[in-house]
Structure formats: structure tokens, C-alpha cells
C-alpha atoms as a PDB file:
ATOM      1  CA  MET A   1      86.708  91.254 126.560  1.00  0.00           C
ATOM      2  CA  GLN A   2      89.177  89.039 128.434  1.00  0.00           C
ATOM      3  CA  GLU A   3      90.388  87.505 125.192  1.00  0.00           C
ATOM      4  CA  ALA A   4      90.980  90.976 123.771  1.00  0.00           C
ATOM      5  CA  LEU A   5      93.010  92.108 126.773  1.00  0.00           C
ATOM      6  CA  LEU A   6      95.028  88.878 126.699  1.00  0.00           C
ATOM      7  CA  ALA A   7      95.722  89.391 122.982  1.00  0.00           C
ATOM      8  CA  ALA A   8      96.811  92.983 123.648  1.00  0.00           C
ATOM      9  CA  TYR A   9      99.157  91.841 126.433  1.00  0.00           C
ATOM     10  CA  LYS A  10     100.696  89.156 124.190  1.00  0.00           C
ATOM     11  CA  HIS A  11     101.227  91.608 121.341  1.00  0.00           C
ATOM     12  CA  ILE A  12     102.229  94.750 123.259  1.00  0.00           C
ATOM     13  CA  ASN A  13     105.588  94.664 121.488  1.00  0.00           C
ATOM     14  CA  GLN A  14     103.751  95.226 118.176  1.00  0.00           C
ATOM     15  CA  PHE A  15     102.320  98.543 119.360  1.00  0.00           C
ATOM     16  CA  ARG A  16     104.156 101.178 117.290  1.00  0.00           C
ATOM     17  CA  GLY A  17     103.012 104.304 119.089  1.00  0.00           C
ATOM     18  CA  GLN A  18     101.594 105.949 115.956  1.00  0.00           C
ATOM     19  CA  SER A  19      98.227 106.261 117.719  1.00  0.00           C
ATOM     20  CA  GLN A  20      96.971 106.355 121.261  1.00  0.00           C
ATOM     21  CA  ILE A  21      96.966 103.089 123.181  1.00  0.00           C
ATOM     22  CA  SER A  22      93.186 103.388 123.703  1.00  0.00           C
ATOM     23  CA  THR A  23      92.684 103.392 119.905  1.00  0.00           C
ATOM     24  CA  TRP A  24      94.917 100.320 119.562  1.00  0.00           C
ATOM     25  CA  LEU A  25      93.022  98.490 122.388  1.00  0.00           C
ATOM     26  CA  THR A  26      89.633  99.439 120.881  1.00  0.00           C
ATOM     27  CA  THR A  27      90.669  97.953 117.547  1.00  0.00           C
ATOM     28  CA  ILE A  28      91.780  94.714 119.225  1.00  0.00           C
ATOM     29  CA  VAL A  29      88.471  94.460 121.170  1.00  0.00           C
ATOM     30  CA  ARG A  30      86.501  95.145 117.983  1.00  0.00           C
ATOM     31  CA  ASN A  31      88.399  92.503 116.021  1.00  0.00           C
ATOM     32  CA  CYS A  32      87.934  89.921 118.811  1.00  0.00           C
ATOM     33  CA  ALA A  33      84.195  90.616 118.854  1.00  0.00           C
ATOM     34  CA  LEU A  34      83.985  90.180 115.076  1.00  0.00           C
ATOM     35  CA  MET A  35      85.868  86.854 115.358  1.00  0.00           C
ATOM     36  CA  GLN A  36      83.346  85.656 117.960  1.00  0.00           C
ATOM     37  CA  LEU A  37      80.472  86.553 115.639  1.00  0.00           C
ATOM     38  CA  ARG A  38      82.091  84.676 112.746  1.00  0.00           C
ATOM     39  CA  LYS A  39      82.517  81.543 114.896  1.00  0.00           C
ATOM     40  CA  ARG A  40      78.859  81.554 115.959  1.00  0.00           C
ATOM     41  CA  PRO A  41      76.541  79.388 113.849  1.00  0.00           C
ATOM     42  CA  ARG A  42      74.455  81.256 111.342  1.00  0.00           C
ATOM     43  CA  GLN A  43      70.750  81.731 111.945  1.00  0.00           C
ATOM     44  CA  ILE A  44      68.592  79.541 109.758  1.00  0.00           C
ATOM     45  CA  HIS A  45      65.573  81.134 108.107  1.00  0.00           C
ATOM     46  CA  TYR A  46      62.506  79.050 107.349  1.00  0.00           C
ATOM     47  CA  PRO A  47      59.704  80.114 105.016  1.00  0.00           C
ATOM     48  CA  LEU A  48      56.371  80.371 106.821  1.00  0.00           C
ATOM     49  CA  ASP A  49      54.364  78.721 104.037  1.00  0.00           C
ATOM     50  CA  GLU A  50      56.431  75.539 103.509  1.00  0.00           C
ATOM     51  CA  PRO A  51      55.653  72.406 105.550  1.00  0.00           C
ATOM     52  CA  PHE A  52      58.367  70.971 107.790  1.00  0.00           C
ATOM     53  CA  GLY A  53      58.685  67.912 110.020  1.00  0.00           C
ATOM     54  CA  GLU A  54      58.902  64.316 108.922  1.00  0.00           C
ATOM     55  CA  GLU A  55      56.381  62.539 111.174  1.00  0.00           C
ATOM     56  CA  GLN A  56      53.653  65.167 111.142  1.00  0.00           C
ATOM     57  CA  PRO A  57      54.305  67.840 108.527  1.00  0.00           C
ATOM     58  CA  ARG A  58      52.992  71.245 109.563  1.00  0.00           C
ATOM     59  CA  PHE A  59      53.564  74.862 108.712  1.00  0.00           C
ATOM     60  CA  LEU A  60      55.773  77.146 110.771  1.00  0.00           C
ATOM     61  CA  TRP A  61      53.048  79.812 110.989  1.00  0.00           C
ATOM     62  CA  GLU A  62      50.832  77.333 112.911  1.00  0.00           C
ATOM     63  CA  GLY A  63      53.242  77.516 115.838  1.00  0.00           C
ATOM     64  CA  LEU A  64      53.221  81.302 115.756  1.00  0.00           C
ATOM     65  CA  VAL A  65      49.447  81.712 115.986  1.00  0.00           C
ATOM     66  CA  ASP A  66      48.265  83.141 119.295  1.00  0.00           C
ATOM     67  CA  GLY A  67      45.509  80.842 120.536  1.00  0.00           C
ATOM     68  CA  ARG A  68      44.343  83.204 123.240  1.00  0.00           C
ATOM     69  CA  PRO A  69      41.033  85.015 122.819  1.00  0.00           C
ATOM     70  CA  SER A  70      41.125  88.442 121.226  1.00  0.00           C
ATOM     71  CA  PRO A  71      40.441  91.514 123.388  1.00  0.00           C
ATOM     72  CA  GLU A  72      37.002  91.727 121.784  1.00  0.00           C
ATOM     73  CA  ASP A  73      36.250  88.113 122.729  1.00  0.00           C
ATOM     74  CA  GLN A  74      37.547  88.692 126.252  1.00  0.00           C
ATOM     75  CA  PHE A  75      35.268  91.698 126.661  1.00  0.00           C
ATOM     76  CA  ARG A  76      32.293  89.820 125.244  1.00  0.00           C
ATOM     77  CA  ASN A  77      32.940  86.876 127.565  1.00  0.00           C
ATOM     78  CA  SER A  78      33.359  89.128 130.602  1.00  0.00           C
ATOM     79  CA  GLU A  79      30.102  90.900 129.740  1.00  0.00           C
ATOM     80  CA  PHE A  80      28.361  87.558 129.383  1.00  0.00           C
ATOM     81  CA  THR A  81      29.857  86.207 132.628  1.00  0.00           C
ATOM     82  CA  ALA A  82      28.668  89.311 134.483  1.00  0.00           C
ATOM     83  CA  CYS A  83      25.187  88.743 133.090  1.00  0.00           C
ATOM     84  CA  LEU A  84      25.357  85.065 134.073  1.00  0.00           C
ATOM     85  CA  ARG A  85      26.400  85.994 137.628  1.00  0.00           C
ATOM     86  CA  LYS A  86      23.573  88.525 137.839  1.00  0.00           C
ATOM     87  CA  CYS A  87      21.051  85.870 136.796  1.00  0.00           C
ATOM     88  CA  ALA A  88      22.564  83.419 139.300  1.00  0.00           C
ATOM     89  CA  THR A  89      22.007  85.914 142.149  1.00  0.00           C
ATOM     90  CA  ARG A  90      18.260  85.697 141.508  1.00  0.00           C
ATOM     91  CA  LEU A  91      18.152  81.956 142.194  1.00  0.00           C
ATOM     92  CA  LEU A  92      16.915  80.512 145.455  1.00  0.00           C
ATOM     93  CA  PRO A  93      19.799  80.222 147.950  1.00  0.00           C
ATOM     94  CA  THR A  94      20.029  76.413 147.722  1.00  0.00           C
ATOM     95  CA  LEU A  95      20.050  76.471 143.921  1.00  0.00           C
ATOM     96  CA  ARG A  96      22.487  79.402 143.859  1.00  0.00           C
ATOM     97  CA  ARG A  97      24.983  77.599 146.144  1.00  0.00           C
ATOM     98  CA  THR A  98      24.770  74.429 144.043  1.00  0.00           C
ATOM     99  CA  PHE A  99      25.183  76.386 140.793  1.00  0.00           C
ATOM    100  CA  GLN A 100      28.083  78.412 142.218  1.00  0.00           C
ATOM    101  CA  LEU A 101      30.004  75.362 143.422  1.00  0.00           C
ATOM    102  CA  ARG A 102      29.388  73.162 140.405  1.00  0.00           C
ATOM    103  CA  VAL A 103      29.416  75.602 137.498  1.00  0.00           C
ATOM    104  CA  MET A 104      31.231  78.746 138.559  1.00  0.00           C
ATOM    105  CA  ASP A 105      33.840  77.075 140.806  1.00  0.00           C
ATOM    106  CA  GLY A 106      34.153  73.976 138.595  1.00  0.00           C
ATOM    107  CA  LEU A 107      33.745  71.349 141.312  1.00  0.00           C
ATOM    108  CA  SER A 108      32.527  67.856 140.469  1.00  0.00           C
ATOM    109  CA  ILE A 109      29.061  66.689 141.423  1.00  0.00           C
ATOM    110  CA  PHE A 110      30.515  64.500 144.175  1.00  0.00           C
ATOM    111  CA  GLU A 111      32.613  67.371 145.598  1.00  0.00           C
ATOM    112  CA  THR A 112      29.592  69.667 145.517  1.00  0.00           C
ATOM    113  CA  ALA A 113      27.453  67.035 147.264  1.00  0.00           C
ATOM    114  CA  ARG A 114      30.095  66.552 149.948  1.00  0.00           C
ATOM    115  CA  ILE A 115      30.374  70.302 150.642  1.00  0.00           C
ATOM    116  CA  LEU A 116      26.605  70.792 150.728  1.00  0.00           C
ATOM    117  CA  GLY A 117      26.026  67.612 152.720  1.00  0.00           C
ATOM    118  CA  VAL A 118      23.413  66.250 150.323  1.00  0.00           C
ATOM    119  CA  PRO A 119      23.268  63.147 148.065  1.00  0.00           C
ATOM    120  CA  HIS A 120      24.738  63.578 144.591  1.00  0.00           C
ATOM    121  CA  GLY A 121      21.300  62.973 143.054  1.00  0.00           C
ATOM    122  CA  THR A 122      20.060  66.050 144.891  1.00  0.00           C
ATOM    123  CA  VAL A 123      22.928  68.080 143.450  1.00  0.00           C
ATOM    124  CA  LYS A 124      21.986  66.925 139.936  1.00  0.00           C
ATOM    125  CA  ALA A 125      18.329  67.847 140.465  1.00  0.00           C
ATOM    126  CA  GLN A 126      19.163  71.271 141.957  1.00  0.00           C
ATOM    127  CA  LEU A 127      21.622  71.923 139.151  1.00  0.00           C
ATOM    128  CA  THR A 128      19.011  71.073 136.516  1.00  0.00           C
ATOM    129  CA  ARG A 129      16.479  73.437 138.131  1.00  0.00           C
ATOM    130  CA  ALA A 130      19.113  76.189 138.467  1.00  0.00           C
ATOM    131  CA  ARG A 131      20.144  75.806 134.838  1.00  0.00           C
ATOM    132  CA  ALA A 132      16.543  75.918 133.685  1.00  0.00           C
ATOM    133  CA  GLN A 133      15.837  79.138 135.586  1.00  0.00           C
ATOM    134  CA  ILE A 134      19.063  80.790 134.431  1.00  0.00           C
ATOM    135  CA  ALA A 135      18.400  79.685 130.840  1.00  0.00           C
ATOM    136  CA  GLN A 136      14.993  81.375 130.926  1.00  0.00           C
ATOM    137  CA  ARG A 137      16.437  84.608 132.323  1.00  0.00           C
ATOM    138  CA  MET A 138      19.377  84.576 129.942  1.00  0.00           C
ATOM    139  CA  ARG A 139      17.020  83.931 127.036  1.00  0.00           C
ATOM    140  CA  ARG A 140      15.023  87.059 127.929  1.00  0.00           C
ATOM    141  CA  ILE A 141      18.216  89.078 128.233  1.00  0.00           C
ATOM    142  CA  SER A 142      19.506  87.778 124.904  1.00  0.00           C
ATOM    143  CA  TYR A 143      16.418  89.167 123.122  1.00  0.00           C
ATOM    144  CA  THR A 144      17.083  92.639 124.521  1.00  0.00           C
ATOM    145  CA  HIS A 145      20.812  92.420 123.699  1.00  0.00           C
ATOM    146  CA  ARG A 146      20.447  91.120 120.150  1.00  0.00           C
ATOM    147  CA  ALA A 147      20.203  94.555 118.578  1.00  0.00           C
ATOM    148  CA  SER A 148      23.338  95.865 120.318  1.00  0.00           C
ATOM    149  CA  ASN A 149      25.274  92.580 120.335  1.00  0.00           C
ATOM    150  CA  PRO A 150      24.354  90.008 117.650  1.00  0.00           C
ATOM    151  CA  GLU A 151      26.895  87.559 119.130  1.00  0.00           C
ATOM    152  CA  PHE A 152      25.092  87.384 122.502  1.00  0.00           C
ATOM    153  CA  ASP A 153      22.800  84.492 121.558  1.00  0.00           C
ATOM    154  CA  LYS A 154      25.736  82.605 120.070  1.00  0.00           C
ATOM    155  CA  LEU A 155      27.673  83.118 123.306  1.00  0.00           C
ATOM    156  CA  LEU A 156      24.688  81.912 125.250  1.00  0.00           C
ATOM    157  CA  GLN A 157      24.543  78.698 123.229  1.00  0.00           C
ATOM    158  CA  ASN A 158      28.327  78.194 123.497  1.00  0.00           C
ATOM    159  CA  ILE A 159      28.320  78.601 127.264  1.00  0.00           C
ATOM    160  CA  TRP A 160      25.331  76.338 127.822  1.00  0.00           C
ATOM    161  CA  GLY A 161      26.461  73.865 125.191  1.00  0.00           C
ATOM    162  CA  GLY A 162      30.062  74.012 126.395  1.00  0.00           C
ATOM    163  CA  GLY A 163      29.575  72.006 129.557  1.00  0.00           C
ATOM    164  CA  LEU A 164      27.222  74.048 131.687  1.00  0.00           C
ATOM    165  CA  ILE A 165      24.173  72.378 130.174  1.00  0.00           C
ATOM    166  CA  GLU A 166      23.793  69.607 127.632  1.00  0.00           C
ATOM    167  CA  GLU A 167      22.731  70.462 124.066  1.00  0.00           C
ATOM    168  CA  ASP A 168      19.375  68.644 124.253  1.00  0.00           C
ATOM    169  CA  GLU A 169      18.619  70.410 127.539  1.00  0.00           C
ATOM    170  CA  TRP A 170      19.494  73.735 125.894  1.00  0.00           C
ATOM    171  CA  ARG A 171      16.902  73.095 123.176  1.00  0.00           C
ATOM    172  CA  ARG A 172      14.309  72.125 125.766  1.00  0.00           C
ATOM    173  CA  TYR A 173      14.846  75.360 127.750  1.00  0.00           C
ATOM    174  CA  GLY A 174      15.356  77.595 124.748  1.00  0.00           C
END
């Protein structure tokens, strides 16, 4: 805008009066804007299905993929987490506190032991008992949910196998 007004001031003597001054100024502003657009570098278009990159070739579409869970997965996980919390409320208070701190809050075994004031071996034992009891309850629930939600058992295995309980322990409880 400033460039356009400066150009109009420099060339005021070229205004012939055949039109209104506002029309003349609008034309100068428009032409200055077009000049700015021409000076700007052009946008480069890349095909989505051609690899790029020299060190690690990859496709452009890989960077565009949304890695977040879908709304359906979010709902399924929230439903499962609610069920997990409900099963955890049925544990004995000592097991529930250990399970809450270690699994739900994500604390380490040593942090959990420090908060509870018990040795870390006790935390491991309480956590194993809590997991076993929750696995049994969740297993019963998964049988009743299978008809309405065939993914429930798969979710159950993913959650237990995904860090809450080891795979060989899952088989032993399941």
C-alpha cells in the first residue's frame, strides 16, 4: 500500500483528469499488488505418490497421514478404560492404590514404593495380584461384550500386552 501511494505521489503529474482520482489510485494499488505477486517465488507442487529425499526416500503422503486414533478408536478406548477403572474399584484398597499409582498414573515401581512406604518387591507382588484379579474380571466382561463389540477382547489383549501385564502373564490369567 505504501509503495502504491509513493508511486502515485511520484507520478501525480501523469494524472490526466479523464477519470476520478480514486479510480486512478485504485489502478496504481492494483498494479503494485500484481507486481508483488509476480516477484514472489512460485509454489512448487509435488506428486503424492513419488518418493523424495536423498538419504531416506519416502512418499509425501506419509507425512500427511494423521497418526492420531480415529473417533471410533477413541470411543472404544474410553469405554474400555471405564471398564478397567470399574474393575479396579473392586480390588482391595492396598491393591487398588498400588494399581492406581503404577498403572493408571504411570509411576515407576520405585516411585510407587516410595509413596506407599513399602519395599519395591511388595509393589511388584501387589501389582501381580491386582493384575490377576482385574484380568479375571475383564475376561468375564469380555465374554458378555463380544456379541456387541467384537474388538473388546482384542483391546483387552492390547492393553494387557501393551505394558500393563506381560504377554506370558496374560496367557496364564486368560
